[in-house]
Amino acid sequence: MNFLIPKNVRTRLEFFTGFGFRELGLLFAGLAVGGILFGLVFLLTKSWFSLVFAAAGGGAGFILGRQDPRTGMNALDFFKAWKSFQTKRKRYFYKYGDGR
């Protein structure tokens, strides 16, 4: 028996397209870091304007975790791939003689 499986079937649970448990974890990690920064700055300044740190941390976690639907990569995976590409040895092809 052969079964045809459509291409758009995903095996992981996603809350909305491209945002699953891994991305939710990154969002909460960003919120935690932002919350810690907010707490430290609030203790020193006693200003509620420092809440911007918590919002920025959550936003950074969301941006790092959210997948681009065109490529299927999130920003964190993109930066890892970019760093890997930059550290690899490059091969430059060139011609000797008349083709220069």
C-alpha atoms as a PDB file:
ATOM      1  CA  MET A   1       0.000   0.000   0.000  1.00  0.00           C
ATOM      2  CA  ASN A   2       1.235   3.455  -0.861  1.00  0.00           C
ATOM      3  CA  PHE A   3       0.010   6.567   0.846  1.00  0.00           C
ATOM      4  CA  LEU A   4       0.342  10.028  -0.594  1.00  0.00           C
ATOM      5  CA  ILE A   5       1.389  12.548   2.025  1.00  0.00           C
ATOM      6  CA  PRO A   6       0.854  16.210   1.155  1.00  0.00           C
ATOM      7  CA  LYS A   7       3.918  18.465   1.237  1.00  0.00           C
ATOM      8  CA  ASN A   8       2.469  20.925   3.725  1.00  0.00           C
ATOM      9  CA  VAL A   9       2.130  18.380   6.571  1.00  0.00           C
ATOM     10  CA  ARG A  10       4.319  19.238   9.546  1.00  0.00           C
ATOM     11  CA  THR A  11       5.309  16.851  12.307  1.00  0.00           C
ATOM     12  CA  ARG A  12       5.841  19.462  15.003  1.00  0.00           C
ATOM     13  CA  LEU A  13       3.175  21.305  16.930  1.00  0.00           C
ATOM     14  CA  GLU A  14       2.984  24.975  15.973  1.00  0.00           C
ATOM     15  CA  PHE A  15       0.855  27.613  17.667  1.00  0.00           C
ATOM     16  CA  PHE A  16       0.874  29.584  14.434  1.00  0.00           C
ATOM     17  CA  THR A  17       2.922  29.167  11.256  1.00  0.00           C
ATOM     18  CA  GLY A  18       6.595  28.913  12.132  1.00  0.00           C
ATOM     19  CA  PHE A  19       6.150  29.378  15.897  1.00  0.00           C
ATOM     20  CA  GLY A  20       6.309  26.236  18.026  1.00  0.00           C
ATOM     21  CA  PHE A  21       7.671  25.168  21.408  1.00  0.00           C
ATOM     22  CA  ARG A  22      11.307  25.957  20.531  1.00  0.00           C
ATOM     23  CA  GLU A  23      10.428  29.509  19.545  1.00  0.00           C
ATOM     24  CA  LEU A  24       8.235  29.877  22.613  1.00  0.00           C
ATOM     25  CA  GLY A  25      11.226  28.853  24.738  1.00  0.00           C
ATOM     26  CA  LEU A  26      13.389  31.490  23.055  1.00  0.00           C
ATOM     27  CA  LEU A  27      10.677  34.083  23.658  1.00  0.00           C
ATOM     28  CA  PHE A  28      10.515  33.228  27.369  1.00  0.00           C
ATOM     29  CA  ALA A  29      14.330  33.232  27.620  1.00  0.00           C
ATOM     30  CA  GLY A  30      14.361  36.730  26.107  1.00  0.00           C
ATOM     31  CA  LEU A  31      11.648  37.827  28.520  1.00  0.00           C
ATOM     32  CA  ALA A  32      13.638  36.398  31.432  1.00  0.00           C
ATOM     33  CA  VAL A  33      16.807  38.250  30.427  1.00  0.00           C
ATOM     34  CA  GLY A  34      14.818  41.438  29.836  1.00  0.00           C
ATOM     35  CA  GLY A  35      13.064  40.989  33.185  1.00  0.00           C
ATOM     36  CA  ILE A  36      16.377  40.602  35.000  1.00  0.00           C
ATOM     37  CA  LEU A  37      17.735  43.740  33.317  1.00  0.00           C
ATOM     38  CA  PHE A  38      14.498  45.555  34.165  1.00  0.00           C
ATOM     39  CA  GLY A  39      14.821  44.525  37.815  1.00  0.00           C
ATOM     40  CA  LEU A  40      18.423  45.665  38.077  1.00  0.00           C
ATOM     41  CA  VAL A  41      17.820  48.998  36.374  1.00  0.00           C
ATOM     42  CA  PHE A  42      14.602  49.587  38.334  1.00  0.00           C
ATOM     43  CA  LEU A  43      16.440  49.013  41.628  1.00  0.00           C
ATOM     44  CA  LEU A  44      18.972  51.674  40.675  1.00  0.00           C
ATOM     45  CA  THR A  45      16.756  54.287  39.023  1.00  0.00           C
ATOM     46  CA  LYS A  46      13.251  53.669  40.444  1.00  0.00           C
ATOM     47  CA  SER A  47      11.892  54.567  37.007  1.00  0.00           C
ATOM     48  CA  TRP A  48       9.214  52.574  35.191  1.00  0.00           C
ATOM     49  CA  PHE A  49      10.855  53.606  31.917  1.00  0.00           C
ATOM     50  CA  SER A  50      13.256  50.701  32.514  1.00  0.00           C
ATOM     51  CA  LEU A  51      10.377  48.401  31.546  1.00  0.00           C
ATOM     52  CA  VAL A  52      11.676  48.974  28.027  1.00  0.00           C
ATOM     53  CA  PHE A  53      14.412  46.413  28.812  1.00  0.00           C
ATOM     54  CA  ALA A  54      11.831  43.686  29.452  1.00  0.00           C
ATOM     55  CA  ALA A  55       9.973  44.550  26.245  1.00  0.00           C
ATOM     56  CA  ALA A  56      13.228  44.632  24.260  1.00  0.00           C
ATOM     57  CA  GLY A  57      14.272  41.246  25.671  1.00  0.00           C
ATOM     58  CA  GLY A  58      10.948  39.693  24.741  1.00  0.00           C
ATOM     59  CA  GLY A  59      11.094  41.255  21.285  1.00  0.00           C
ATOM     60  CA  ALA A  60      14.630  39.947  20.762  1.00  0.00           C
ATOM     61  CA  GLY A  61      13.548  36.458  21.816  1.00  0.00           C
ATOM     62  CA  PHE A  62      10.629  36.603  19.401  1.00  0.00           C
ATOM     63  CA  ILE A  63      12.785  37.818  16.510  1.00  0.00           C
ATOM     64  CA  LEU A  64      15.467  35.198  17.161  1.00  0.00           C
ATOM     65  CA  GLY A  65      12.895  32.425  17.372  1.00  0.00           C
ATOM     66  CA  ARG A  66      10.430  33.281  14.592  1.00  0.00           C
ATOM     67  CA  GLN A  67      11.013  31.338  11.372  1.00  0.00           C
ATOM     68  CA  ASP A  68      10.975  32.985   7.983  1.00  0.00           C
ATOM     69  CA  PRO A  69       8.304  31.083   6.023  1.00  0.00           C
ATOM     70  CA  ARG A  70      10.284  31.386   2.776  1.00  0.00           C
ATOM     71  CA  THR A  71      13.501  29.802   4.074  1.00  0.00           C
ATOM     72  CA  GLY A  72      12.344  27.879   7.154  1.00  0.00           C
ATOM     73  CA  MET A  73      15.224  29.381   9.163  1.00  0.00           C
ATOM     74  CA  ASN A  74      14.993  31.638  12.165  1.00  0.00           C
ATOM     75  CA  ALA A  75      17.477  34.434  12.857  1.00  0.00           C
ATOM     76  CA  LEU A  76      19.504  32.317  15.270  1.00  0.00           C
ATOM     77  CA  ASP A  77      19.910  29.504  12.710  1.00  0.00           C
ATOM     78  CA  PHE A  78      20.767  32.078  10.036  1.00  0.00           C
ATOM     79  CA  PHE A  79      23.556  33.589  12.156  1.00  0.00           C
ATOM     80  CA  LYS A  80      24.930  30.102  12.922  1.00  0.00           C
ATOM     81  CA  ALA A  81      24.958  29.222   9.205  1.00  0.00           C
ATOM     82  CA  TRP A  82      26.526  32.582   8.320  1.00  0.00           C
ATOM     83  CA  LYS A  83      29.284  32.107  10.911  1.00  0.00           C
ATOM     84  CA  SER A  84      29.906  28.583   9.652  1.00  0.00           C
ATOM     85  CA  PHE A  85      30.164  29.864   6.084  1.00  0.00           C
ATOM     86  CA  GLN A  86      32.527  32.678   7.084  1.00  0.00           C
ATOM     87  CA  THR A  87      34.895  30.304   8.905  1.00  0.00           C
ATOM     88  CA  LYS A  88      35.101  27.788   6.031  1.00  0.00           C
ATOM     89  CA  ARG A  89      37.953  27.931   3.605  1.00  0.00           C
ATOM     90  CA  LYS A  90      36.947  29.571   0.352  1.00  0.00           C
ATOM     91  CA  ARG A  91      37.911  28.299  -3.071  1.00  0.00           C
ATOM     92  CA  TYR A  92      38.571  30.912  -5.717  1.00  0.00           C
ATOM     93  CA  PHE A  93      38.656  29.680  -9.302  1.00  0.00           C
ATOM     94  CA  TYR A  94      40.697  31.651 -11.776  1.00  0.00           C
ATOM     95  CA  LYS A  95      42.294  31.157 -15.185  1.00  0.00           C
ATOM     96  CA  TYR A  96      45.889  31.510 -16.146  1.00  0.00           C
ATOM     97  CA  GLY A  97      46.763  33.186 -19.419  1.00  0.00           C
ATOM     98  CA  ASP A  98      44.317  34.652 -21.915  1.00  0.00           C
ATOM     99  CA  GLY A  99      41.143  34.308 -19.803  1.00  0.00           C
ATOM    100  CA  ARG A 100      42.158  36.987 -17.320  1.00  0.00           C
END
